[in-house]
Amino acid sequence: MSARPLTARAPNESSLPAHGARRTRTTATPKAPLTSRLDEYDPPIEALNDYMEVRPPGAVNALRDAIGALLDAGTSEQRLAELWLKEGNAYYDPRSDSTTMTDWFRIMLSTPNR
């Protein structure tokens, strides 16, 4: 699976809005995909929407293919959590919102392309 996992790490914490502040969209071109912490997205799926806005369609499709393959293979909840949180370096753990990892991956897969 060559798709790069969705991540939400900030290179410079001082440039981020206060915790809990909603990230606002601008017409300026983003410097890099998903440079904000995931807790700045409300709802969290907005991080994926931003990813799709700044990545080329081929990268988005590769991510969709990788997610679909994981779900089709019946990947365990534990492995999905490892992929998302550890290998993908994501801050958001959907289980904290009573969402299984499988359901989170399905939500990501069902998000329409922009």
N, C-alpha and C. Protein backbone atom coordinates (compact mmCIF):
# COMPACT_ATOMS: atom_id res chain seq x y z
N MET A 1 0.84 -1.17 0.00
CA MET A 1 0.00 0.00 0.00
C MET A 1 0.88 1.24 0.00
N SER A 2 0.93 1.88 -1.12
CA SER A 2 1.84 3.00 -1.26
C SER A 2 1.22 4.33 -0.86
N ALA A 3 -0.05 4.36 -0.54
CA ALA A 3 -0.68 5.62 -0.16
C ALA A 3 -0.12 6.11 1.16
N ARG A 4 0.20 7.36 1.21
CA ARG A 4 0.70 7.94 2.45
C ARG A 4 -0.46 8.16 3.39
N PRO A 5 -0.34 7.72 4.64
CA PRO A 5 -1.45 7.87 5.57
C PRO A 5 -1.76 9.33 5.85
N LEU A 6 -3.00 9.57 6.16
CA LEU A 6 -3.46 10.89 6.55
C LEU A 6 -2.83 11.24 7.88
N THR A 7 -2.15 12.38 7.95
CA THR A 7 -1.54 12.80 9.21
C THR A 7 -1.98 14.21 9.54
N ALA A 8 -1.81 14.57 10.76
CA ALA A 8 -2.21 15.91 11.18
C ALA A 8 -1.23 16.41 12.23
N ARG A 9 -0.02 16.61 11.85
CA ARG A 9 1.00 17.11 12.76
C ARG A 9 1.35 18.54 12.39
N ALA A 10 1.67 19.32 13.37
CA ALA A 10 2.02 20.72 13.14
C ALA A 10 3.52 20.90 13.31
N PRO A 11 4.20 21.50 12.31
CA PRO A 11 5.63 21.70 12.44
C PRO A 11 5.99 22.79 13.42
N ASN A 12 5.07 23.72 13.66
CA ASN A 12 5.38 24.85 14.52
C ASN A 12 4.16 25.14 15.39
N GLU A 13 4.18 24.64 16.61
CA GLU A 13 3.03 24.78 17.49
C GLU A 13 2.66 26.24 17.75
N SER A 14 3.63 27.15 17.73
CA SER A 14 3.33 28.55 18.02
C SER A 14 2.48 29.21 16.94
N SER A 15 2.43 28.60 15.76
CA SER A 15 1.65 29.20 14.68
C SER A 15 0.21 28.73 14.67
N LEU A 16 -0.16 27.87 15.63
CA LEU A 16 -1.50 27.31 15.65
C LEU A 16 -2.45 28.16 16.48
N PRO A 17 -3.74 28.15 16.13
CA PRO A 17 -4.73 28.84 16.96
C PRO A 17 -4.84 28.16 18.32
N ALA A 18 -5.46 28.82 19.24
CA ALA A 18 -5.65 28.27 20.58
C ALA A 18 -6.41 26.95 20.50
N HIS A 19 -6.16 26.08 21.46
CA HIS A 19 -6.82 24.77 21.51
C HIS A 19 -8.33 24.95 21.42
N GLY A 20 -8.94 24.16 20.56
CA GLY A 20 -10.39 24.20 20.42
C GLY A 20 -10.88 25.24 19.42
N ALA A 21 -9.99 26.09 18.94
CA ALA A 21 -10.41 27.10 17.97
C ALA A 21 -10.68 26.43 16.63
N ARG A 22 -11.70 26.84 15.96
CA ARG A 22 -12.05 26.28 14.64
C ARG A 22 -11.11 26.88 13.61
N ARG A 23 -10.55 26.01 12.80
CA ARG A 23 -9.69 26.45 11.73
C ARG A 23 -10.53 27.11 10.66
N THR A 24 -10.12 28.26 10.21
CA THR A 24 -10.87 28.95 9.17
C THR A 24 -10.19 28.74 7.83
N ARG A 25 -11.00 28.65 6.81
CA ARG A 25 -10.47 28.45 5.46
C ARG A 25 -10.18 29.81 4.83
N THR A 26 -9.12 29.84 4.06
CA THR A 26 -8.79 31.03 3.32
C THR A 26 -8.66 30.66 1.85
N THR A 27 -8.56 31.65 1.00
CA THR A 27 -8.39 31.38 -0.41
C THR A 27 -6.92 31.18 -0.76
N ALA A 28 -6.04 31.42 0.18
CA ALA A 28 -4.61 31.23 -0.07
C ALA A 28 -4.30 29.75 -0.21
N THR A 29 -3.30 29.43 -1.00
CA THR A 29 -2.88 28.06 -1.17
C THR A 29 -2.17 27.59 0.09
N PRO A 30 -2.57 26.45 0.65
CA PRO A 30 -1.91 25.95 1.85
C PRO A 30 -0.44 25.65 1.59
N LYS A 31 0.39 25.85 2.61
CA LYS A 31 1.82 25.59 2.47
C LYS A 31 2.10 24.10 2.35
N ALA A 32 1.39 23.28 3.10
CA ALA A 32 1.58 21.83 3.08
C ALA A 32 0.29 21.19 3.53
N PRO A 33 0.03 19.96 3.08
CA PRO A 33 -1.21 19.31 3.49
C PRO A 33 -1.24 19.01 4.97
N LEU A 34 -2.36 19.30 5.58
CA LEU A 34 -2.62 18.94 6.95
C LEU A 34 -1.52 19.36 7.91
N THR A 35 -1.19 20.65 7.90
CA THR A 35 -0.16 21.13 8.81
C THR A 35 -0.72 21.54 10.16
N SER A 36 -2.02 21.39 10.35
CA SER A 36 -2.64 21.76 11.62
C SER A 36 -2.91 20.52 12.45
N ARG A 37 -3.00 20.72 13.74
CA ARG A 37 -3.36 19.61 14.61
C ARG A 37 -4.81 19.24 14.37
N LEU A 38 -5.11 17.96 14.48
CA LEU A 38 -6.45 17.48 14.18
C LEU A 38 -7.49 18.04 15.13
N ASP A 39 -7.09 18.44 16.35
CA ASP A 39 -8.09 18.97 17.28
C ASP A 39 -8.60 20.33 16.85
N GLU A 40 -8.05 20.86 15.78
CA GLU A 40 -8.53 22.13 15.24
C GLU A 40 -9.62 21.93 14.20
N TYR A 41 -9.96 20.71 13.91
CA TYR A 41 -10.99 20.41 12.93
C TYR A 41 -12.25 19.99 13.67
N ASP A 42 -13.35 20.60 13.28
CA ASP A 42 -14.62 20.27 13.89
C ASP A 42 -15.67 20.20 12.79
N PRO A 43 -16.12 19.06 12.39
CA PRO A 43 -15.80 17.73 12.90
C PRO A 43 -14.44 17.25 12.38
N PRO A 44 -13.89 16.20 12.98
CA PRO A 44 -12.56 15.73 12.60
C PRO A 44 -12.41 15.35 11.13
N ILE A 45 -13.49 14.95 10.46
CA ILE A 45 -13.39 14.57 9.06
C ILE A 45 -12.94 15.73 8.19
N GLU A 46 -13.05 16.97 8.69
CA GLU A 46 -12.58 18.13 7.94
C GLU A 46 -11.07 18.04 7.62
N ALA A 47 -10.33 17.31 8.43
CA ALA A 47 -8.91 17.10 8.14
C ALA A 47 -8.76 16.37 6.81
N LEU A 48 -9.60 15.39 6.57
CA LEU A 48 -9.57 14.66 5.30
C LEU A 48 -9.99 15.58 4.16
N ASN A 49 -10.98 16.42 4.39
CA ASN A 49 -11.41 17.35 3.35
C ASN A 49 -10.26 18.28 2.96
N ASP A 50 -9.50 18.75 3.93
CA ASP A 50 -8.35 19.59 3.62
C ASP A 50 -7.30 18.80 2.85
N TYR A 51 -7.07 17.56 3.25
CA TYR A 51 -6.12 16.70 2.54
C TYR A 51 -6.51 16.61 1.07
N MET A 52 -7.79 16.39 0.81
CA MET A 52 -8.25 16.23 -0.57
C MET A 52 -8.13 17.52 -1.36
N GLU A 53 -8.19 18.66 -0.69
CA GLU A 53 -8.08 19.94 -1.38
C GLU A 53 -6.66 20.23 -1.84
N VAL A 54 -5.67 19.76 -1.09
CA VAL A 54 -4.28 20.13 -1.40
C VAL A 54 -3.48 19.03 -2.07
N ARG A 55 -3.99 17.83 -2.10
CA ARG A 55 -3.28 16.72 -2.71
C ARG A 55 -3.80 16.49 -4.12
N PRO A 56 -2.95 16.01 -5.01
CA PRO A 56 -3.42 15.71 -6.37
C PRO A 56 -4.42 14.55 -6.35
N PRO A 57 -5.31 14.51 -7.34
CA PRO A 57 -6.32 13.46 -7.37
C PRO A 57 -5.73 12.05 -7.29
N GLY A 58 -4.58 11.83 -7.87
CA GLY A 58 -3.96 10.51 -7.82
C GLY A 58 -3.62 10.09 -6.40
N ALA A 59 -3.17 11.03 -5.57
CA ALA A 59 -2.84 10.73 -4.17
C ALA A 59 -4.11 10.42 -3.39
N VAL A 60 -5.17 11.18 -3.66
CA VAL A 60 -6.44 10.95 -2.97
C VAL A 60 -6.99 9.58 -3.36
N ASN A 61 -6.93 9.25 -4.64
CA ASN A 61 -7.43 7.95 -5.10
C ASN A 61 -6.60 6.81 -4.53
N ALA A 62 -5.29 7.00 -4.42
CA ALA A 62 -4.43 5.97 -3.83
C ALA A 62 -4.79 5.74 -2.37
N LEU A 63 -5.08 6.83 -1.65
CA LEU A 63 -5.49 6.71 -0.26
C LEU A 63 -6.81 5.95 -0.16
N ARG A 64 -7.76 6.30 -1.02
CA ARG A 64 -9.05 5.59 -1.04
C ARG A 64 -8.85 4.11 -1.32
N ASP A 65 -7.99 3.80 -2.29
CA ASP A 65 -7.73 2.40 -2.63
C ASP A 65 -7.14 1.65 -1.44
N ALA A 66 -6.21 2.30 -0.73
CA ALA A 66 -5.57 1.67 0.43
C ALA A 66 -6.58 1.43 1.55
N ILE A 67 -7.43 2.42 1.80
CA ILE A 67 -8.47 2.27 2.82
C ILE A 67 -9.42 1.14 2.44
N GLY A 68 -9.84 1.13 1.18
CA GLY A 68 -10.74 0.08 0.71
C GLY A 68 -10.13 -1.31 0.84
N ALA A 69 -8.85 -1.43 0.52
CA ALA A 69 -8.17 -2.72 0.63
C ALA A 69 -8.09 -3.18 2.08
N LEU A 70 -7.83 -2.25 2.99
CA LEU A 70 -7.79 -2.60 4.41
C LEU A 70 -9.14 -3.10 4.89
N LEU A 71 -10.20 -2.42 4.49
CA LEU A 71 -11.54 -2.83 4.90
C LEU A 71 -11.94 -4.15 4.26
N ASP A 72 -11.64 -4.31 2.97
CA ASP A 72 -11.98 -5.55 2.26
C ASP A 72 -11.25 -6.75 2.86
N ALA A 73 -10.05 -6.52 3.37
CA ALA A 73 -9.26 -7.60 3.96
C ALA A 73 -9.71 -7.95 5.38
N GLY A 74 -10.65 -7.19 5.93
CA GLY A 74 -11.11 -7.46 7.28
C GLY A 74 -10.05 -7.16 8.33
N THR A 75 -9.27 -6.13 8.09
CA THR A 75 -8.20 -5.75 9.00
C THR A 75 -8.76 -5.53 10.41
N SER A 76 -8.04 -6.03 11.41
CA SER A 76 -8.51 -5.95 12.79
C SER A 76 -8.55 -4.51 13.29
N GLU A 77 -9.37 -4.29 14.31
CA GLU A 77 -9.45 -2.98 14.94
C GLU A 77 -8.08 -2.55 15.47
N GLN A 78 -7.37 -3.48 16.06
CA GLN A 78 -6.04 -3.17 16.60
C GLN A 78 -5.09 -2.72 15.49
N ARG A 79 -5.10 -3.43 14.37
CA ARG A 79 -4.20 -3.06 13.27
C ARG A 79 -4.61 -1.73 12.66
N LEU A 80 -5.91 -1.49 12.50
CA LEU A 80 -6.36 -0.20 11.96
C LEU A 80 -5.92 0.94 12.89
N ALA A 81 -6.02 0.72 14.20
CA ALA A 81 -5.58 1.74 15.16
C ALA A 81 -4.09 1.99 15.04
N GLU A 82 -3.30 0.93 14.88
CA GLU A 82 -1.85 1.09 14.70
C GLU A 82 -1.54 1.88 13.43
N LEU A 83 -2.22 1.53 12.35
CA LEU A 83 -1.99 2.23 11.08
C LEU A 83 -2.34 3.71 11.19
N TRP A 84 -3.48 3.99 11.79
CA TRP A 84 -3.96 5.37 11.88
C TRP A 84 -3.15 6.19 12.87
N LEU A 85 -2.98 5.67 14.08
CA LEU A 85 -2.38 6.46 15.16
C LEU A 85 -0.86 6.43 15.17
N LYS A 86 -0.28 5.26 14.95
CA LYS A 86 1.18 5.15 15.04
C LYS A 86 1.85 5.40 13.71
N GLU A 87 1.49 4.64 12.70
CA GLU A 87 2.14 4.79 11.40
C GLU A 87 1.68 6.05 10.69
N GLY A 88 0.41 6.42 10.87
CA GLY A 88 -0.12 7.62 10.24
C GLY A 88 0.11 8.88 11.05
N ASN A 89 0.59 8.72 12.29
CA ASN A 89 0.88 9.86 13.16
C ASN A 89 -0.32 10.77 13.37
N ALA A 90 -1.51 10.21 13.39
CA ALA A 90 -2.71 11.01 13.59
C ALA A 90 -2.91 11.32 15.07
N TYR A 91 -3.43 12.49 15.35
CA TYR A 91 -3.74 12.88 16.71
C TYR A 91 -5.12 12.40 17.14
N TYR A 92 -6.04 12.33 16.21
CA TYR A 92 -7.42 12.01 16.53
C TYR A 92 -7.61 10.50 16.65
N ASP A 93 -8.15 10.06 17.77
CA ASP A 93 -8.51 8.67 17.97
C ASP A 93 -10.03 8.60 17.97
N PRO A 94 -10.63 8.07 16.91
CA PRO A 94 -12.09 8.05 16.81
C PRO A 94 -12.76 7.26 17.93
N ARG A 95 -12.02 6.37 18.54
CA ARG A 95 -12.60 5.58 19.64
C ARG A 95 -12.97 6.48 20.82
N SER A 96 -12.33 7.64 20.93
CA SER A 96 -12.68 8.58 21.99
C SER A 96 -14.08 9.18 21.78
N ASP A 97 -14.59 9.08 20.56
CA ASP A 97 -15.95 9.53 20.23
C ASP A 97 -16.88 8.34 20.02
N SER A 98 -16.51 7.18 20.57
CA SER A 98 -17.31 5.95 20.46
C SER A 98 -17.49 5.49 19.02
N THR A 99 -16.49 5.73 18.19
CA THR A 99 -16.49 5.27 16.80
C THR A 99 -15.41 4.21 16.67
N THR A 100 -15.76 3.07 16.11
CA THR A 100 -14.75 2.04 15.91
C THR A 100 -13.78 2.48 14.83
N MET A 101 -12.62 1.88 14.81
CA MET A 101 -11.65 2.20 13.77
C MET A 101 -12.20 1.80 12.40
N THR A 102 -12.89 0.66 12.34
CA THR A 102 -13.49 0.24 11.07
C THR A 102 -14.49 1.28 10.58
N ASP A 103 -15.34 1.76 11.48
CA ASP A 103 -16.31 2.78 11.07
C ASP A 103 -15.62 4.07 10.65
N TRP A 104 -14.54 4.46 11.34
CA TRP A 104 -13.80 5.67 10.97
C TRP A 104 -13.22 5.52 9.56
N PHE A 105 -12.65 4.36 9.26
CA PHE A 105 -12.11 4.14 7.92
C PHE A 105 -13.24 4.16 6.89
N ARG A 106 -14.41 3.62 7.24
CA ARG A 106 -15.56 3.67 6.32
C ARG A 106 -16.01 5.12 6.10
N ILE A 107 -16.02 5.90 7.16
CA ILE A 107 -16.38 7.33 7.04
C ILE A 107 -15.41 8.03 6.10
N MET A 108 -14.13 7.77 6.29
CA MET A 108 -13.14 8.40 5.41
C MET A 108 -13.35 7.96 3.96
N LEU A 109 -13.63 6.69 3.77
CA LEU A 109 -13.83 6.16 2.43
C LEU A 109 -15.08 6.74 1.77
N SER A 110 -16.11 7.03 2.56
CA SER A 110 -17.37 7.54 2.00
C SER A 110 -17.37 9.05 1.80
N THR A 111 -16.34 9.73 2.25
CA THR A 111 -16.28 11.18 2.07
C THR A 111 -16.08 11.48 0.59
N PRO A 112 -16.96 12.28 0.00
CA PRO A 112 -16.85 12.54 -1.45
C PRO A 112 -15.61 13.37 -1.79
N ASN A 113 -15.09 13.09 -2.99
CA ASN A 113 -13.97 13.90 -3.50
C ASN A 113 -14.44 15.33 -3.68
N ARG A 114 -13.50 16.25 -3.52
CA ARG A 114 -13.83 17.66 -3.74
C ARG A 114 -13.36 18.10 -5.09
